[in-house]
């Protein structure tokens, strides 16, 4: 019962939002540094029920209801990375071929984040120095990049799960 009351207090007082979810200080400092490049980081808000489910998932040992229980970072063997590259037909023109250091081979591969990304934070180009066409093309590039990257991560996650079983 004490854990539930603590969770409610953390949510109601805003500690979750300020201290755990999106440390505002980090965004302020980052945006101050990006100002010289005429860019800004913004948070993409989700629906209230998605936020509530995210919070409940956090308090119930990092996602009891989600596939991202514990950590989404895994050591992936180089052969598995090459297999995914071949399956997705990734050419070296678009993506650079991954050269793994010897230390990564000893650890059992390369550490990869297998969770979907690109959803919550966005790099916004400010209007003054960039034309509307350039900003539109930037958004198109960003969207296409995260679609391809999430497809690659999903396939890699599937291959890792197959190997583990």
C-alpha atoms as a PDB file:
ATOM      1  CA  UNK A   1       0.000   0.000   0.000  1.00  0.00           C
ATOM      2  CA  UNK A   2       2.885   2.348   0.778  1.00  0.00           C
ATOM      3  CA  UNK A   3       4.242   1.952  -2.746  1.00  0.00           C
ATOM      4  CA  UNK A   4       0.937   2.967  -4.279  1.00  0.00           C
ATOM      5  CA  UNK A   5       0.716   6.082  -2.113  1.00  0.00           C
ATOM      6  CA  UNK A   6       4.317   6.971  -2.991  1.00  0.00           C
ATOM      7  CA  UNK A   7       3.578   6.516  -6.689  1.00  0.00           C
ATOM      8  CA  UNK A   8       0.526   8.771  -6.437  1.00  0.00           C
ATOM      9  CA  UNK A   9       2.491  11.434  -4.561  1.00  0.00           C
ATOM     10  CA  UNK A  10       5.328  11.320  -7.108  1.00  0.00           C
ATOM     11  CA  UNK A  11       2.839  11.749  -9.948  1.00  0.00           C
ATOM     12  CA  UNK A  12       0.711  14.458  -8.284  1.00  0.00           C
ATOM     13  CA  UNK A  13       3.646  16.606  -7.177  1.00  0.00           C
ATOM     14  CA  UNK A  14       5.196  16.519 -10.640  1.00  0.00           C
ATOM     15  CA  UNK A  15       8.421  14.853  -9.533  1.00  0.00           C
ATOM     16  CA  UNK A  16       7.869  12.220 -12.205  1.00  0.00           C
ATOM     17  CA  UNK A  17       7.666  14.784 -14.989  1.00  0.00           C
ATOM     18  CA  UNK A  18      10.415  17.073 -13.682  1.00  0.00           C
ATOM     19  CA  UNK A  19      12.905  14.632 -12.273  1.00  0.00           C
ATOM     20  CA  UNK A  20      12.420  11.292 -13.939  1.00  0.00           C
ATOM     21  CA  UNK A  21      10.655  11.653 -17.277  1.00  0.00           C
ATOM     22  CA  UNK A  22      12.049  14.799 -18.888  1.00  0.00           C
ATOM     23  CA  UNK A  23      14.550  16.695 -16.788  1.00  0.00           C
ATOM     24  CA  UNK A  24      13.710  20.216 -17.839  1.00  0.00           C
ATOM     25  CA  UNK A  25      17.132  21.535 -16.969  1.00  0.00           C
ATOM     26  CA  UNK A  26      18.680  19.311 -19.628  1.00  0.00           C
ATOM     27  CA  UNK A  27      16.350  20.713 -22.294  1.00  0.00           C
ATOM     28  CA  UNK A  28      17.004  24.312 -21.272  1.00  0.00           C
ATOM     29  CA  UNK A  29      20.781  23.859 -21.362  1.00  0.00           C
ATOM     30  CA  UNK A  30      20.631  21.923 -24.647  1.00  0.00           C
ATOM     31  CA  UNK A  31      18.447  24.548 -26.283  1.00  0.00           C
ATOM     32  CA  UNK A  32      20.786  27.290 -25.094  1.00  0.00           C
ATOM     33  CA  UNK A  33      23.654  25.494 -26.852  1.00  0.00           C
ATOM     34  CA  UNK A  34      21.616  24.818 -29.987  1.00  0.00           C
ATOM     35  CA  UNK A  35      20.507  28.448 -30.286  1.00  0.00           C
ATOM     36  CA  UNK A  36      23.711  29.265 -32.196  1.00  0.00           C
ATOM     37  CA  UNK A  37      22.788  26.629 -34.775  1.00  0.00           C
ATOM     38  CA  UNK A  38      19.235  28.022 -35.077  1.00  0.00           C
ATOM     39  CA  UNK A  39      17.752  24.769 -33.781  1.00  0.00           C
ATOM     40  CA  UNK A  40      15.656  23.788 -30.801  1.00  0.00           C
ATOM     41  CA  UNK A  41      14.719  20.529 -29.064  1.00  0.00           C
ATOM     42  CA  UNK A  42      11.041  20.023 -28.386  1.00  0.00           C
ATOM     43  CA  UNK A  43       9.146  17.286 -26.562  1.00  0.00           C
ATOM     44  CA  UNK A  44       6.390  15.590 -28.504  1.00  0.00           C
ATOM     45  CA  UNK A  45       3.544  15.086 -26.055  1.00  0.00           C
ATOM     46  CA  UNK A  46       1.544  11.889 -26.133  1.00  0.00           C
ATOM     47  CA  UNK A  47      -2.069  11.351 -25.153  1.00  0.00           C
ATOM     48  CA  UNK A  48      -2.847  11.424 -21.446  1.00  0.00           C
ATOM     49  CA  UNK A  49      -3.634   7.706 -21.320  1.00  0.00           C
ATOM     50  CA  UNK A  50      -0.314   6.819 -22.986  1.00  0.00           C
ATOM     51  CA  UNK A  51       1.463   8.912 -20.356  1.00  0.00           C
ATOM     52  CA  UNK A  52      -0.461   7.190 -17.554  1.00  0.00           C
ATOM     53  CA  UNK A  53       0.332   3.730 -18.940  1.00  0.00           C
ATOM     54  CA  UNK A  54       3.976   4.738 -19.251  1.00  0.00           C
ATOM     55  CA  UNK A  55       4.018   5.824 -15.625  1.00  0.00           C
ATOM     56  CA  UNK A  56       2.319   2.665 -14.393  1.00  0.00           C
ATOM     57  CA  UNK A  57       4.735   0.605 -16.473  1.00  0.00           C
ATOM     58  CA  UNK A  58       7.671   2.415 -14.895  1.00  0.00           C
ATOM     59  CA  UNK A  59       6.502   1.719 -11.368  1.00  0.00           C
ATOM     60  CA  UNK A  60       5.694  -1.910 -12.139  1.00  0.00           C
ATOM     61  CA  UNK A  61       9.318  -2.920 -12.747  1.00  0.00           C
ATOM     62  CA  UNK A  62       9.893  -1.101 -16.015  1.00  0.00           C
ATOM     63  CA  UNK A  63       7.068  -2.198 -18.203  1.00  0.00           C
ATOM     64  CA  UNK A  64       5.139  -5.207 -17.055  1.00  0.00           C
ATOM     65  CA  UNK A  65       2.727  -4.653 -19.937  1.00  0.00           C
ATOM     66  CA  UNK A  66       5.308  -3.702 -22.558  1.00  0.00           C
ATOM     67  CA  UNK A  67       7.829  -5.707 -24.520  1.00  0.00           C
ATOM     68  CA  UNK A  68      10.605  -3.433 -23.263  1.00  0.00           C
ATOM     69  CA  UNK A  69      10.771  -4.972 -19.811  1.00  0.00           C
ATOM     70  CA  UNK A  70      14.115  -4.271 -18.132  1.00  0.00           C
ATOM     71  CA  UNK A  71      16.489  -2.810 -20.700  1.00  0.00           C
ATOM     72  CA  UNK A  72      16.300  -2.515 -24.465  1.00  0.00           C
ATOM     73  CA  UNK A  73      20.101  -2.507 -24.769  1.00  0.00           C
ATOM     74  CA  UNK A  74      21.500  -5.872 -25.833  1.00  0.00           C
ATOM     75  CA  UNK A  75      24.834  -7.178 -27.036  1.00  0.00           C
ATOM     76  CA  UNK A  76      24.329  -8.241 -30.647  1.00  0.00           C
ATOM     77  CA  UNK A  77      26.781 -10.466 -32.482  1.00  0.00           C
ATOM     78  CA  UNK A  78      28.413  -8.963 -35.598  1.00  0.00           C
ATOM     79  CA  UNK A  79      27.138 -11.847 -37.739  1.00  0.00           C
ATOM     80  CA  UNK A  80      23.587 -10.993 -36.702  1.00  0.00           C
ATOM     81  CA  UNK A  81      24.093  -7.328 -37.628  1.00  0.00           C
ATOM     82  CA  UNK A  82      25.404  -8.312 -41.061  1.00  0.00           C
ATOM     83  CA  UNK A  83      22.480 -10.706 -41.534  1.00  0.00           C
ATOM     84  CA  UNK A  84      19.987  -7.916 -40.813  1.00  0.00           C
ATOM     85  CA  UNK A  85      21.838  -5.566 -43.184  1.00  0.00           C
ATOM     86  CA  UNK A  86      21.612  -8.160 -45.964  1.00  0.00           C
ATOM     87  CA  UNK A  87      17.951  -8.847 -45.284  1.00  0.00           C
ATOM     88  CA  UNK A  88      17.053  -5.158 -45.419  1.00  0.00           C
ATOM     89  CA  UNK A  89      19.392  -4.676 -48.393  1.00  0.00           C
ATOM     90  CA  UNK A  90      21.140  -1.768 -46.744  1.00  0.00           C
ATOM     91  CA  UNK A  91      23.762  -0.388 -49.085  1.00  0.00           C
ATOM     92  CA  UNK A  92      26.942   1.284 -47.954  1.00  0.00           C
ATOM     93  CA  UNK A  93      25.810   4.507 -49.697  1.00  0.00           C
ATOM     94  CA  UNK A  94      23.040   5.086 -47.159  1.00  0.00           C
ATOM     95  CA  UNK A  95      24.476   3.474 -44.037  1.00  0.00           C
ATOM     96  CA  UNK A  96      28.093   3.121 -43.102  1.00  0.00           C
ATOM     97  CA  UNK A  97      29.303  -0.423 -42.606  1.00  0.00           C
ATOM     98  CA  UNK A  98      29.787  -1.080 -38.929  1.00  0.00           C
ATOM     99  CA  UNK A  99      33.380  -1.857 -37.986  1.00  0.00           C
ATOM    100  CA  UNK A 100      33.461  -3.398 -34.547  1.00  0.00           C
ATOM    101  CA  UNK A 101      36.358  -2.828 -32.166  1.00  0.00           C
ATOM    102  CA  UNK A 102      38.061  -5.888 -30.707  1.00  0.00           C
ATOM    103  CA  UNK A 103      36.656  -5.135 -27.234  1.00  0.00           C
ATOM    104  CA  UNK A 104      33.108  -5.510 -28.582  1.00  0.00           C
ATOM    105  CA  UNK A 105      33.968  -8.949 -29.950  1.00  0.00           C
ATOM    106  CA  UNK A 106      35.133 -10.013 -26.485  1.00  0.00           C
ATOM    107  CA  UNK A 107      31.918  -8.773 -24.842  1.00  0.00           C
ATOM    108  CA  UNK A 108      29.832 -10.853 -27.194  1.00  0.00           C
ATOM    109  CA  UNK A 109      29.128  -8.251 -29.833  1.00  0.00           C
ATOM    110  CA  UNK A 110      28.079  -4.676 -30.238  1.00  0.00           C
ATOM    111  CA  UNK A 111      25.742  -2.974 -27.783  1.00  0.00           C
ATOM    112  CA  UNK A 112      22.540  -2.003 -29.620  1.00  0.00           C
ATOM    113  CA  UNK A 113      19.423  -0.206 -28.474  1.00  0.00           C
ATOM    114  CA  UNK A 114      16.581  -2.344 -29.781  1.00  0.00           C
ATOM    115  CA  UNK A 115      13.677  -0.174 -28.606  1.00  0.00           C
ATOM    116  CA  UNK A 116      11.776   1.904 -31.151  1.00  0.00           C
ATOM    117  CA  UNK A 117      13.060   5.476 -31.242  1.00  0.00           C
ATOM    118  CA  UNK A 118      12.465   8.930 -32.631  1.00  0.00           C
ATOM    119  CA  UNK A 119       9.090   9.443 -31.019  1.00  0.00           C
ATOM    120  CA  UNK A 120       9.431  11.783 -28.054  1.00  0.00           C
ATOM    121  CA  UNK A 121      12.077  14.402 -28.802  1.00  0.00           C
ATOM    122  CA  UNK A 122      12.335  16.351 -32.025  1.00  0.00           C
ATOM    123  CA  UNK A 123      14.995  18.692 -33.410  1.00  0.00           C
ATOM    124  CA  UNK A 124      13.133  21.744 -34.702  1.00  0.00           C
ATOM    125  CA  UNK A 125      14.804  24.040 -37.233  1.00  0.00           C
ATOM    126  CA  UNK A 126      13.969  27.685 -36.519  1.00  0.00           C
ATOM    127  CA  UNK A 127      12.249  29.618 -39.309  1.00  0.00           C
ATOM    128  CA  UNK A 128      14.551  32.603 -39.755  1.00  0.00           C
ATOM    129  CA  UNK A 129      17.709  31.045 -41.297  1.00  0.00           C
ATOM    130  CA  UNK A 130      16.038  28.100 -43.061  1.00  0.00           C
ATOM    131  CA  UNK A 131      13.614  28.233 -45.969  1.00  0.00           C
ATOM    132  CA  UNK A 132      10.251  26.513 -45.741  1.00  0.00           C
ATOM    133  CA  UNK A 133      11.342  23.979 -48.361  1.00  0.00           C
ATOM    134  CA  UNK A 134      14.477  23.100 -46.409  1.00  0.00           C
ATOM    135  CA  UNK A 135      12.498  22.639 -43.169  1.00  0.00           C
ATOM    136  CA  UNK A 136       9.941  20.494 -44.971  1.00  0.00           C
ATOM    137  CA  UNK A 137      12.694  18.332 -46.474  1.00  0.00           C
ATOM    138  CA  UNK A 138      14.323  18.032 -43.032  1.00  0.00           C
ATOM    139  CA  UNK A 139      11.057  16.702 -41.556  1.00  0.00           C
ATOM    140  CA  UNK A 140      10.711  14.269 -44.454  1.00  0.00           C
ATOM    141  CA  UNK A 141      14.299  13.067 -43.970  1.00  0.00           C
ATOM    142  CA  UNK A 142      13.812  12.706 -40.203  1.00  0.00           C
ATOM    143  CA  UNK A 143      10.589  10.714 -40.651  1.00  0.00           C
ATOM    144  CA  UNK A 144      12.108   8.398 -43.257  1.00  0.00           C
ATOM    145  CA  UNK A 145      15.228   7.871 -41.155  1.00  0.00           C
ATOM    146  CA  UNK A 146      13.270   6.824 -38.067  1.00  0.00           C
ATOM    147  CA  UNK A 147      10.982   4.569 -40.125  1.00  0.00           C
ATOM    148  CA  UNK A 148      14.009   2.731 -41.553  1.00  0.00           C
ATOM    149  CA  UNK A 149      15.805   2.656 -38.209  1.00  0.00           C
ATOM    150  CA  UNK A 150      12.751   1.300 -36.375  1.00  0.00           C
ATOM    151  CA  UNK A 151      12.320  -1.345 -39.077  1.00  0.00           C
ATOM    152  CA  UNK A 152      15.972  -2.344 -38.621  1.00  0.00           C
ATOM    153  CA  UNK A 153      15.614  -2.425 -34.821  1.00  0.00           C
ATOM    154  CA  UNK A 154      12.435  -4.534 -35.012  1.00  0.00           C
ATOM    155  CA  UNK A 155      14.108  -7.056 -37.307  1.00  0.00           C
ATOM    156  CA  UNK A 156      17.199  -7.135 -35.100  1.00  0.00           C
ATOM    157  CA  UNK A 157      14.990  -7.641 -32.012  1.00  0.00           C
ATOM    158  CA  UNK A 158      13.239 -10.529 -33.762  1.00  0.00           C
ATOM    159  CA  UNK A 159      16.563 -12.152 -34.727  1.00  0.00           C
ATOM    160  CA  UNK A 160      17.922 -11.781 -31.179  1.00  0.00           C
ATOM    161  CA  UNK A 161      14.748 -13.365 -29.738  1.00  0.00           C
ATOM    162  CA  UNK A 162      15.076 -16.275 -32.198  1.00  0.00           C
ATOM    163  CA  UNK A 163      18.700 -16.815 -31.178  1.00  0.00           C
ATOM    164  CA  UNK A 164      17.838 -16.700 -27.480  1.00  0.00           C
ATOM    165  CA  UNK A 165      15.161 -19.391 -27.860  1.00  0.00           C
END
